[in-house]
Amino acid sequence: MSLYLIESSLTGIVSTKEEVNQKATDIQSLLGEKEASLIEVQVSKDFSRSFFIVESENEEIATSVIKEAGISIELVKDVRLVGDELEKVKQNKEVVNYLVEWNIPENITMDQYLARKKKNSVHYEEVPEVQFARTYVCEDMSKCLCFYDAPDESAVKRARVAVDTPIDAITEILGK
């Protein structure tokens, strides 16, 4: 089974947290019929961006269910979970409220990325009000998505400075 990041917009599809949760339940049910699962969905506060993580045998199964749910797809990437265990993420108990996207420079390999992350992650301790949750790294090394629980955007930015990693985009996530 592989993990797929599916980016889309839910603008005009949902307008409340409850509607997001219902859409996620519907998608999980459809995926379950195809022996796949929705690991998580994170949605920006304004519903303009959504990030589905789907575990599936192949990309076609993962994307067909999202499309069946009436959601257009903007990006699909094969991803690797870093910094957390998949079973823990599946339990959906951890709060995240910020997503940082970083477009990884072309010359960095997965091994280099993982070594750099391991070396720099200890510096999160310098910003104790921010809790790093997990990262999804695109297998093609084009970008990564890092999820945080933080009091505000400036705290997330301080954490990224502490771990010496840039921000290409930061999105406030709709809470549970």
N, C-alpha and C. Protein backbone atom coordinates (compact mmCIF):
# COMPACT_ATOMS: atom_id res chain seq x y z
N MET A 1 0.84 -1.18 0.00
CA MET A 1 0.00 0.00 0.00
C MET A 1 0.88 1.24 0.00
N SER A 2 0.45 2.24 -0.72
CA SER A 2 1.17 3.51 -0.81
C SER A 2 0.32 4.62 -0.21
N LEU A 3 0.99 5.71 0.13
CA LEU A 3 0.30 6.90 0.59
C LEU A 3 0.31 7.92 -0.54
N TYR A 4 -0.85 8.57 -0.74
CA TYR A 4 -0.98 9.59 -1.76
C TYR A 4 -1.48 10.88 -1.14
N LEU A 5 -0.83 11.97 -1.50
CA LEU A 5 -1.29 13.30 -1.18
C LEU A 5 -2.16 13.75 -2.34
N ILE A 6 -3.39 14.16 -2.04
CA ILE A 6 -4.29 14.67 -3.06
C ILE A 6 -4.70 16.07 -2.62
N GLU A 7 -4.27 17.07 -3.39
CA GLU A 7 -4.60 18.45 -3.07
C GLU A 7 -5.77 18.90 -3.93
N SER A 8 -6.66 19.66 -3.29
CA SER A 8 -7.83 20.17 -4.00
C SER A 8 -8.36 21.40 -3.27
N SER A 9 -9.49 21.88 -3.74
CA SER A 9 -10.19 22.98 -3.08
C SER A 9 -11.59 22.49 -2.74
N LEU A 10 -12.07 22.86 -1.57
CA LEU A 10 -13.43 22.51 -1.18
C LEU A 10 -14.36 23.73 -1.24
N THR A 11 -13.86 24.82 -1.83
CA THR A 11 -14.68 26.02 -1.99
C THR A 11 -15.92 25.67 -2.81
N GLY A 12 -17.08 26.02 -2.30
CA GLY A 12 -18.33 25.73 -2.99
C GLY A 12 -18.83 24.32 -2.78
N ILE A 13 -18.04 23.47 -2.13
CA ILE A 13 -18.43 22.08 -1.87
C ILE A 13 -18.88 21.93 -0.42
N VAL A 14 -18.12 22.54 0.48
CA VAL A 14 -18.46 22.55 1.91
C VAL A 14 -18.27 23.97 2.44
N SER A 15 -18.96 24.26 3.53
CA SER A 15 -18.79 25.60 4.13
C SER A 15 -18.76 25.57 5.65
N THR A 16 -18.79 24.36 6.23
CA THR A 16 -18.69 24.23 7.68
C THR A 16 -17.79 23.03 8.02
N LYS A 17 -17.33 23.04 9.24
CA LYS A 17 -16.51 21.93 9.74
C LYS A 17 -17.31 20.63 9.71
N GLU A 18 -18.59 20.71 10.04
CA GLU A 18 -19.45 19.53 10.04
C GLU A 18 -19.56 18.95 8.63
N GLU A 19 -19.69 19.81 7.63
CA GLU A 19 -19.76 19.34 6.25
C GLU A 19 -18.44 18.70 5.81
N VAL A 20 -17.32 19.25 6.26
CA VAL A 20 -16.02 18.63 5.98
C VAL A 20 -15.98 17.23 6.58
N ASN A 21 -16.39 17.13 7.84
CA ASN A 21 -16.38 15.82 8.51
C ASN A 21 -17.29 14.82 7.81
N GLN A 22 -18.46 15.27 7.35
CA GLN A 22 -19.37 14.37 6.64
C GLN A 22 -18.76 13.94 5.31
N LYS A 23 -18.15 14.87 4.59
CA LYS A 23 -17.50 14.54 3.31
C LYS A 23 -16.38 13.52 3.54
N ALA A 24 -15.61 13.72 4.61
CA ALA A 24 -14.53 12.78 4.93
C ALA A 24 -15.08 11.40 5.26
N THR A 25 -16.19 11.35 5.99
CA THR A 25 -16.83 10.06 6.32
C THR A 25 -17.30 9.37 5.05
N ASP A 26 -17.91 10.13 4.15
CA ASP A 26 -18.38 9.56 2.88
C ASP A 26 -17.21 9.02 2.06
N ILE A 27 -16.12 9.78 1.99
CA ILE A 27 -14.94 9.36 1.23
C ILE A 27 -14.33 8.11 1.86
N GLN A 28 -14.25 8.08 3.20
CA GLN A 28 -13.70 6.90 3.87
C GLN A 28 -14.53 5.66 3.55
N SER A 29 -15.84 5.81 3.53
CA SER A 29 -16.72 4.69 3.22
C SER A 29 -16.47 4.17 1.80
N LEU A 30 -16.39 5.09 0.83
CA LEU A 30 -16.12 4.70 -0.55
C LEU A 30 -14.74 4.05 -0.70
N LEU A 31 -13.76 4.60 -0.01
CA LEU A 31 -12.41 4.02 -0.06
C LEU A 31 -12.39 2.62 0.54
N GLY A 32 -13.11 2.46 1.65
CA GLY A 32 -13.17 1.15 2.31
C GLY A 32 -13.69 0.06 1.38
N GLU A 33 -14.63 0.42 0.52
CA GLU A 33 -15.17 -0.53 -0.46
C GLU A 33 -14.11 -0.98 -1.45
N LYS A 34 -13.05 -0.18 -1.59
CA LYS A 34 -11.98 -0.49 -2.54
C LYS A 34 -10.70 -0.90 -1.82
N GLU A 35 -10.83 -1.30 -0.54
CA GLU A 35 -9.70 -1.72 0.28
C GLU A 35 -8.62 -0.66 0.37
N ALA A 36 -9.07 0.58 0.49
CA ALA A 36 -8.18 1.73 0.67
C ALA A 36 -8.70 2.50 1.88
N SER A 37 -7.95 3.51 2.34
CA SER A 37 -8.45 4.29 3.47
C SER A 37 -7.97 5.74 3.43
N LEU A 38 -8.81 6.58 4.01
CA LEU A 38 -8.48 7.99 4.18
C LEU A 38 -7.72 8.12 5.49
N ILE A 39 -6.44 8.44 5.39
CA ILE A 39 -5.62 8.57 6.59
C ILE A 39 -5.95 9.87 7.31
N GLU A 40 -6.02 10.94 6.56
CA GLU A 40 -6.43 12.22 7.13
C GLU A 40 -6.80 13.18 6.03
N VAL A 41 -7.57 14.18 6.42
CA VAL A 41 -7.87 15.30 5.54
C VAL A 41 -7.70 16.56 6.38
N GLN A 42 -6.95 17.50 5.83
CA GLN A 42 -6.75 18.79 6.47
C GLN A 42 -7.24 19.85 5.49
N VAL A 43 -7.98 20.82 6.02
CA VAL A 43 -8.62 21.82 5.18
C VAL A 43 -8.29 23.20 5.73
N SER A 44 -7.96 24.13 4.82
CA SER A 44 -7.70 25.51 5.24
C SER A 44 -8.98 26.12 5.82
N LYS A 45 -8.80 27.11 6.68
CA LYS A 45 -9.95 27.73 7.34
C LYS A 45 -10.95 28.33 6.36
N ASP A 46 -10.48 28.75 5.20
CA ASP A 46 -11.39 29.34 4.21
C ASP A 46 -11.87 28.32 3.17
N PHE A 47 -11.54 27.04 3.36
CA PHE A 47 -11.95 25.92 2.50
C PHE A 47 -11.33 25.96 1.11
N SER A 48 -10.42 26.89 0.85
CA SER A 48 -9.83 27.02 -0.48
C SER A 48 -8.78 25.95 -0.79
N ARG A 49 -8.25 25.33 0.25
CA ARG A 49 -7.24 24.29 0.04
C ARG A 49 -7.58 23.09 0.91
N SER A 50 -7.42 21.91 0.35
CA SER A 50 -7.61 20.70 1.13
C SER A 50 -6.50 19.71 0.77
N PHE A 51 -6.15 18.92 1.76
CA PHE A 51 -5.04 17.99 1.64
C PHE A 51 -5.51 16.63 2.15
N PHE A 52 -5.77 15.72 1.23
CA PHE A 52 -6.20 14.38 1.56
C PHE A 52 -4.97 13.47 1.53
N ILE A 53 -4.82 12.65 2.55
CA ILE A 53 -3.80 11.60 2.54
C ILE A 53 -4.56 10.28 2.47
N VAL A 54 -4.33 9.55 1.39
CA VAL A 54 -5.05 8.31 1.13
C VAL A 54 -4.05 7.17 1.05
N GLU A 55 -4.38 6.07 1.72
CA GLU A 55 -3.59 4.84 1.62
C GLU A 55 -4.32 3.92 0.65
N SER A 56 -3.60 3.51 -0.40
CA SER A 56 -4.25 2.75 -1.46
C SER A 56 -3.23 1.91 -2.21
N GLU A 57 -3.74 0.88 -2.89
CA GLU A 57 -2.88 0.05 -3.74
C GLU A 57 -2.30 0.85 -4.90
N ASN A 58 -3.09 1.82 -5.42
CA ASN A 58 -2.60 2.59 -6.54
C ASN A 58 -3.27 3.96 -6.59
N GLU A 59 -2.71 4.82 -7.38
CA GLU A 59 -3.19 6.20 -7.51
C GLU A 59 -4.61 6.27 -8.07
N GLU A 60 -4.93 5.40 -8.99
CA GLU A 60 -6.25 5.42 -9.62
C GLU A 60 -7.36 5.23 -8.60
N ILE A 61 -7.20 4.28 -7.70
CA ILE A 61 -8.21 4.06 -6.66
C ILE A 61 -8.33 5.30 -5.78
N ALA A 62 -7.20 5.83 -5.36
CA ALA A 62 -7.20 7.01 -4.48
C ALA A 62 -7.89 8.20 -5.13
N THR A 63 -7.58 8.46 -6.36
CA THR A 63 -8.14 9.65 -7.02
C THR A 63 -9.58 9.45 -7.47
N SER A 64 -9.96 8.25 -7.87
CA SER A 64 -11.32 8.02 -8.37
C SER A 64 -12.35 8.29 -7.28
N VAL A 65 -12.05 7.95 -6.06
CA VAL A 65 -13.00 8.16 -4.97
C VAL A 65 -13.16 9.65 -4.67
N ILE A 66 -12.07 10.39 -4.70
CA ILE A 66 -12.14 11.84 -4.48
C ILE A 66 -13.00 12.48 -5.58
N LYS A 67 -12.78 12.05 -6.80
CA LYS A 67 -13.57 12.57 -7.92
C LYS A 67 -15.04 12.19 -7.79
N GLU A 68 -15.31 10.94 -7.38
CA GLU A 68 -16.69 10.49 -7.17
C GLU A 68 -17.41 11.36 -6.13
N ALA A 69 -16.65 11.90 -5.19
CA ALA A 69 -17.21 12.74 -4.13
C ALA A 69 -17.46 14.17 -4.62
N GLY A 70 -17.19 14.42 -5.91
CA GLY A 70 -17.45 15.73 -6.49
C GLY A 70 -16.36 16.75 -6.25
N ILE A 71 -15.14 16.27 -5.96
CA ILE A 71 -14.02 17.15 -5.65
C ILE A 71 -13.02 17.11 -6.80
N SER A 72 -12.69 18.27 -7.35
CA SER A 72 -11.69 18.31 -8.42
C SER A 72 -10.30 18.23 -7.80
N ILE A 73 -9.41 17.60 -8.49
CA ILE A 73 -8.05 17.35 -7.99
C ILE A 73 -7.07 18.29 -8.66
N GLU A 74 -6.25 18.94 -7.86
CA GLU A 74 -5.25 19.87 -8.37
C GLU A 74 -3.85 19.25 -8.43
N LEU A 75 -3.58 18.31 -7.51
CA LEU A 75 -2.25 17.70 -7.44
C LEU A 75 -2.35 16.34 -6.78
N VAL A 76 -1.60 15.38 -7.31
CA VAL A 76 -1.49 14.05 -6.70
C VAL A 76 -0.01 13.70 -6.62
N LYS A 77 0.42 13.29 -5.44
CA LYS A 77 1.82 12.88 -5.25
C LYS A 77 1.87 11.65 -4.36
N ASP A 78 2.78 10.76 -4.67
CA ASP A 78 3.11 9.63 -3.82
C ASP A 78 3.97 10.20 -2.68
N VAL A 79 3.58 9.94 -1.41
CA VAL A 79 4.29 10.55 -0.28
C VAL A 79 4.75 9.51 0.74
N ARG A 80 5.68 9.96 1.57
CA ARG A 80 6.21 9.18 2.67
C ARG A 80 5.95 9.95 3.96
N LEU A 81 5.44 9.26 4.97
CA LEU A 81 5.21 9.87 6.27
C LEU A 81 6.51 9.88 7.06
N VAL A 82 6.85 11.05 7.62
CA VAL A 82 8.07 11.21 8.41
C VAL A 82 7.71 11.88 9.73
N GLY A 83 8.27 11.40 10.82
CA GLY A 83 8.09 12.05 12.11
C GLY A 83 6.93 11.53 12.92
N ASP A 84 6.22 10.54 12.43
CA ASP A 84 5.10 9.98 13.17
C ASP A 84 4.84 8.57 12.64
N GLU A 85 4.10 7.79 13.40
CA GLU A 85 3.73 6.44 12.98
C GLU A 85 2.37 6.48 12.29
N LEU A 86 2.22 5.75 11.22
CA LEU A 86 0.98 5.74 10.46
C LEU A 86 -0.21 5.34 11.34
N GLU A 87 -0.04 4.34 12.17
CA GLU A 87 -1.15 3.90 13.03
C GLU A 87 -1.60 5.01 13.97
N LYS A 88 -0.67 5.81 14.46
CA LYS A 88 -1.02 6.92 15.34
C LYS A 88 -1.81 7.99 14.57
N VAL A 89 -1.38 8.29 13.36
CA VAL A 89 -2.08 9.28 12.54
C VAL A 89 -3.49 8.79 12.23
N LYS A 90 -3.65 7.50 11.98
CA LYS A 90 -4.96 6.93 11.68
C LYS A 90 -5.94 7.11 12.84
N GLN A 91 -5.44 7.17 14.06
CA GLN A 91 -6.31 7.35 15.23
C GLN A 91 -6.91 8.75 15.29
N ASN A 92 -6.31 9.71 14.57
CA ASN A 92 -6.87 11.04 14.40
C ASN A 92 -7.10 11.77 15.73
N LYS A 93 -6.16 11.63 16.66
CA LYS A 93 -6.32 12.27 17.96
C LYS A 93 -5.46 13.52 18.12
N GLU A 94 -4.49 13.68 17.27
CA GLU A 94 -3.57 14.80 17.39
C GLU A 94 -4.14 16.05 16.72
N VAL A 95 -4.02 17.17 17.41
CA VAL A 95 -4.50 18.44 16.88
C VAL A 95 -3.40 19.10 16.07
N VAL A 96 -3.72 19.51 14.86
CA VAL A 96 -2.82 20.33 14.06
C VAL A 96 -3.61 21.52 13.57
N ASN A 97 -2.95 22.68 13.54
CA ASN A 97 -3.67 23.87 13.09
C ASN A 97 -2.87 24.70 12.09
N TYR A 98 -1.67 24.25 11.74
CA TYR A 98 -0.89 24.93 10.71
C TYR A 98 -0.20 23.90 9.82
N LEU A 99 -0.15 24.24 8.56
CA LEU A 99 0.55 23.43 7.56
C LEU A 99 1.58 24.31 6.89
N VAL A 100 2.81 23.83 6.86
CA VAL A 100 3.89 24.52 6.16
C VAL A 100 4.27 23.68 4.95
N GLU A 101 4.32 24.33 3.80
CA GLU A 101 4.79 23.67 2.58
C GLU A 101 6.18 24.18 2.25
N TRP A 102 7.04 23.25 1.88
CA TRP A 102 8.39 23.61 1.48
C TRP A 102 8.69 22.89 0.18
N ASN A 103 9.04 23.65 -0.85
CA ASN A 103 9.46 23.08 -2.13
C ASN A 103 10.94 22.74 -2.01
N ILE A 104 11.23 21.47 -1.99
CA ILE A 104 12.58 20.98 -1.73
C ILE A 104 13.48 21.29 -2.93
N PRO A 105 14.67 21.84 -2.67
CA PRO A 105 15.60 22.09 -3.78
C PRO A 105 15.94 20.81 -4.53
N GLU A 106 16.16 20.96 -5.82
CA GLU A 106 16.39 19.81 -6.70
C GLU A 106 17.55 18.92 -6.30
N ASN A 107 18.56 19.47 -5.69
CA ASN A 107 19.77 18.69 -5.41
C ASN A 107 19.69 17.87 -4.12
N ILE A 108 18.57 17.87 -3.42
CA ILE A 108 18.47 17.13 -2.16
C ILE A 108 17.81 15.76 -2.42
N THR A 109 18.47 14.71 -1.95
CA THR A 109 17.93 13.36 -2.06
C THR A 109 17.10 13.05 -0.81
N MET A 110 16.33 11.97 -0.85
CA MET A 110 15.54 11.57 0.31
C MET A 110 16.45 11.28 1.50
N ASP A 111 17.56 10.58 1.27
CA ASP A 111 18.48 10.29 2.37
C ASP A 111 19.05 11.57 2.98
N GLN A 112 19.40 12.54 2.14
CA GLN A 112 19.90 13.82 2.65
C GLN A 112 18.82 14.56 3.43
N TYR A 113 17.60 14.54 2.90
CA TYR A 113 16.49 15.20 3.59
C TYR A 113 16.28 14.58 4.97
N LEU A 114 16.22 13.26 5.04
CA LEU A 114 15.97 12.58 6.31
C LEU A 114 17.09 12.82 7.32
N ALA A 115 18.34 12.83 6.85
CA ALA A 115 19.47 13.10 7.74
C ALA A 115 19.40 14.53 8.27
N ARG A 116 19.07 15.46 7.41
CA ARG A 116 18.95 16.88 7.80
C ARG A 116 17.82 17.06 8.81
N LYS A 117 16.70 16.41 8.56
CA LYS A 117 15.55 16.50 9.47
C LYS A 117 15.90 15.94 10.83
N LYS A 118 16.56 14.80 10.85
CA LYS A 118 16.95 14.18 12.13
C LYS A 118 17.89 15.10 12.91
N LYS A 119 18.85 15.67 12.21
CA LYS A 119 19.83 16.55 12.85
C LYS A 119 19.18 17.83 13.39
N ASN A 120 18.28 18.43 12.62
CA ASN A 120 17.71 19.72 13.00
C ASN A 120 16.49 19.64 13.91
N SER A 121 15.82 18.51 13.96
CA SER A 121 14.57 18.40 14.73
C SER A 121 14.75 18.68 16.21
N VAL A 122 15.91 18.45 16.74
CA VAL A 122 16.14 18.72 18.17
C VAL A 122 15.93 20.20 18.49
N HIS A 123 16.05 21.05 17.51
CA HIS A 123 15.91 22.50 17.73
C HIS A 123 14.46 22.95 17.91
N TYR A 124 13.51 22.07 17.67
CA TYR A 124 12.12 22.42 17.97
C TYR A 124 11.96 22.75 19.46
N GLU A 125 12.82 22.17 20.28
CA GLU A 125 12.78 22.43 21.73
C GLU A 125 12.97 23.92 22.04
N GLU A 126 13.58 24.66 21.12
CA GLU A 126 13.82 26.09 21.33
C GLU A 126 12.53 26.90 21.22
N VAL A 127 11.49 26.29 20.69
CA VAL A 127 10.19 26.96 20.55
C VAL A 127 9.13 26.02 21.15
N PRO A 128 9.10 25.93 22.50
CA PRO A 128 8.25 24.93 23.15
C PRO A 128 6.75 25.10 22.94
N GLU A 129 6.31 26.29 22.55
CA GLU A 129 4.88 26.49 22.33
C GLU A 129 4.40 25.88 21.01
N VAL A 130 5.32 25.40 20.21
CA VAL A 130 4.98 24.78 18.94
C VAL A 130 5.26 23.28 19.03
N GLN A 131 4.26 22.50 18.63
CA GLN A 131 4.42 21.05 18.60
C GLN A 131 4.45 20.58 17.14
N PHE A 132 5.59 20.03 16.73
CA PHE A 132 5.68 19.43 15.41
C PHE A 132 4.91 18.12 15.46
N ALA A 133 4.06 17.87 14.46
CA ALA A 133 3.27 16.64 14.43
C ALA A 133 3.84 15.62 13.45
N ARG A 134 3.93 16.01 12.18
CA ARG A 134 4.39 15.06 11.16
C ARG A 134 4.67 15.80 9.85
N THR A 135 5.36 15.08 8.97
CA THR A 135 5.67 15.59 7.64
C THR A 135 5.32 14.51 6.62
N TYR A 136 4.81 14.94 5.49
CA TYR A 136 4.67 14.07 4.33
C TYR A 136 5.64 14.59 3.29
N VAL A 137 6.56 13.74 2.86
CA VAL A 137 7.55 14.10 1.86
C VAL A 137 7.18 13.42 0.55
N CYS A 138 7.07 14.20 -0.51
CA CYS A 138 6.79 13.63 -1.82
C CYS A 138 7.96 12.75 -2.24
N GLU A 139 7.65 11.55 -2.68
CA GLU A 139 8.70 10.60 -3.08
C GLU A 139 9.54 11.14 -4.22
N ASP A 140 8.99 12.03 -5.03
CA ASP A 140 9.78 12.62 -6.12
C ASP A 140 10.63 13.80 -5.62
N MET A 141 10.61 14.05 -4.32
CA MET A 141 11.41 15.09 -3.66
C MET A 141 11.08 16.49 -4.16
N SER A 142 9.84 16.70 -4.58
CA SER A 142 9.45 18.03 -5.05
C SER A 142 9.05 18.95 -3.89
N LYS A 143 8.41 18.39 -2.86
CA LYS A 143 8.00 19.23 -1.74
C LYS A 143 7.66 18.36 -0.55
N CYS A 144 7.48 19.06 0.58
CA CYS A 144 7.01 18.38 1.78
C CYS A 144 5.97 19.24 2.47
N LEU A 145 5.10 18.58 3.21
CA LEU A 145 4.07 19.23 4.01
C LEU A 145 4.35 18.91 5.47
N CYS A 146 4.49 19.94 6.30
CA CYS A 146 4.77 19.76 7.72
C CYS A 146 3.61 20.30 8.53
N PHE A 147 3.09 19.49 9.43
CA PHE A 147 1.95 19.87 10.24
C PHE A 147 2.38 20.19 11.66
N TYR A 148 1.77 21.25 12.21
CA TYR A 148 2.11 21.75 13.54
C TYR A 148 0.85 22.09 14.33
N ASP A 149 1.00 22.05 15.65
CA ASP A 149 0.03 22.64 16.56
C ASP A 149 0.76 23.83 17.18
N ALA A 150 0.25 25.03 16.93
CA ALA A 150 0.93 26.25 17.39
C ALA A 150 -0.10 27.32 17.74
N PRO A 151 0.28 28.25 18.62
CA PRO A 151 -0.66 29.30 19.01
C PRO A 151 -0.94 30.31 17.90
N ASP A 152 0.02 30.49 16.98
CA ASP A 152 -0.18 31.46 15.90
C ASP A 152 0.88 31.24 14.82
N GLU A 153 0.70 31.94 13.71
CA GLU A 153 1.60 31.79 12.57
C GLU A 153 3.03 32.21 12.90
N SER A 154 3.19 33.25 13.69
CA SER A 154 4.54 33.71 14.02
C SER A 154 5.31 32.66 14.82
N ALA A 155 4.62 31.89 15.66
CA ALA A 155 5.28 30.82 16.40
C ALA A 155 5.77 29.73 15.44
N VAL A 156 4.95 29.41 14.44
CA VAL A 156 5.36 28.42 13.44
C VAL A 156 6.61 28.92 12.70
N LYS A 157 6.61 30.19 12.35
CA LYS A 157 7.77 30.77 11.65
C LYS A 157 9.02 30.69 12.53
N ARG A 158 8.89 30.95 13.83
CA ARG A 158 10.04 30.84 14.74
C ARG A 158 10.55 29.40 14.80
N ALA A 159 9.63 28.45 14.80
CA ALA A 159 10.03 27.04 14.82
C ALA A 159 10.79 26.66 13.56
N ARG A 160 10.33 27.16 12.42
CA ARG A 160 11.03 26.86 11.16
C ARG A 160 12.41 27.48 11.14
N VAL A 161 12.56 28.67 11.71
CA VAL A 161 13.89 29.29 11.82
C VAL A 161 14.77 28.43 12.72
N ALA A 162 14.22 27.94 13.83
CA ALA A 162 14.99 27.12 14.77
C ALA A 162 15.53 25.86 14.11
N VAL A 163 14.73 25.25 13.22
CA VAL A 163 15.19 24.02 12.55
C VAL A 163 15.83 24.31 11.20
N ASP A 164 16.04 25.59 10.91
CA ASP A 164 16.75 26.04 9.72
C ASP A 164 16.14 25.46 8.43
N THR A 165 14.80 25.61 8.33
CA THR A 165 14.09 25.12 7.16
C THR A 165 13.13 26.20 6.66
N PRO A 166 13.16 26.49 5.37
CA PRO A 166 12.32 27.56 4.82
C PRO A 166 10.83 27.23 4.79
N ILE A 167 10.05 28.25 4.49
CA ILE A 167 8.60 28.14 4.30
C ILE A 167 8.29 28.70 2.92
N ASP A 168 7.65 27.89 2.09
CA ASP A 168 7.17 28.39 0.80
C ASP A 168 5.71 28.81 0.89
N ALA A 169 4.96 28.18 1.78
CA ALA A 169 3.58 28.56 2.03
C ALA A 169 3.20 28.10 3.43
N ILE A 170 2.35 28.87 4.08
CA ILE A 170 1.84 28.49 5.40
C ILE A 170 0.32 28.66 5.36
N THR A 171 -0.37 27.65 5.87
CA THR A 171 -1.82 27.62 5.81
C THR A 171 -2.36 27.33 7.20
N GLU A 172 -3.31 28.15 7.64
CA GLU A 172 -3.99 27.84 8.91
C GLU A 172 -5.08 26.80 8.59
N ILE A 173 -5.07 25.75 9.39
CA ILE A 173 -5.94 24.60 9.17
C ILE A 173 -7.21 24.72 10.01
N LEU A 174 -8.31 24.30 9.45
CA LEU A 174 -9.58 24.23 10.16
C LEU A 174 -9.46 23.21 11.27
N GLY A 175 -9.82 23.57 12.49
CA GLY A 175 -9.73 22.65 13.62
C GLY A 175 -10.73 21.51 13.52
N LYS A 176 -10.59 20.56 14.42
CA LYS A 176 -11.50 19.40 14.44
C LYS A 176 -12.86 19.80 14.93
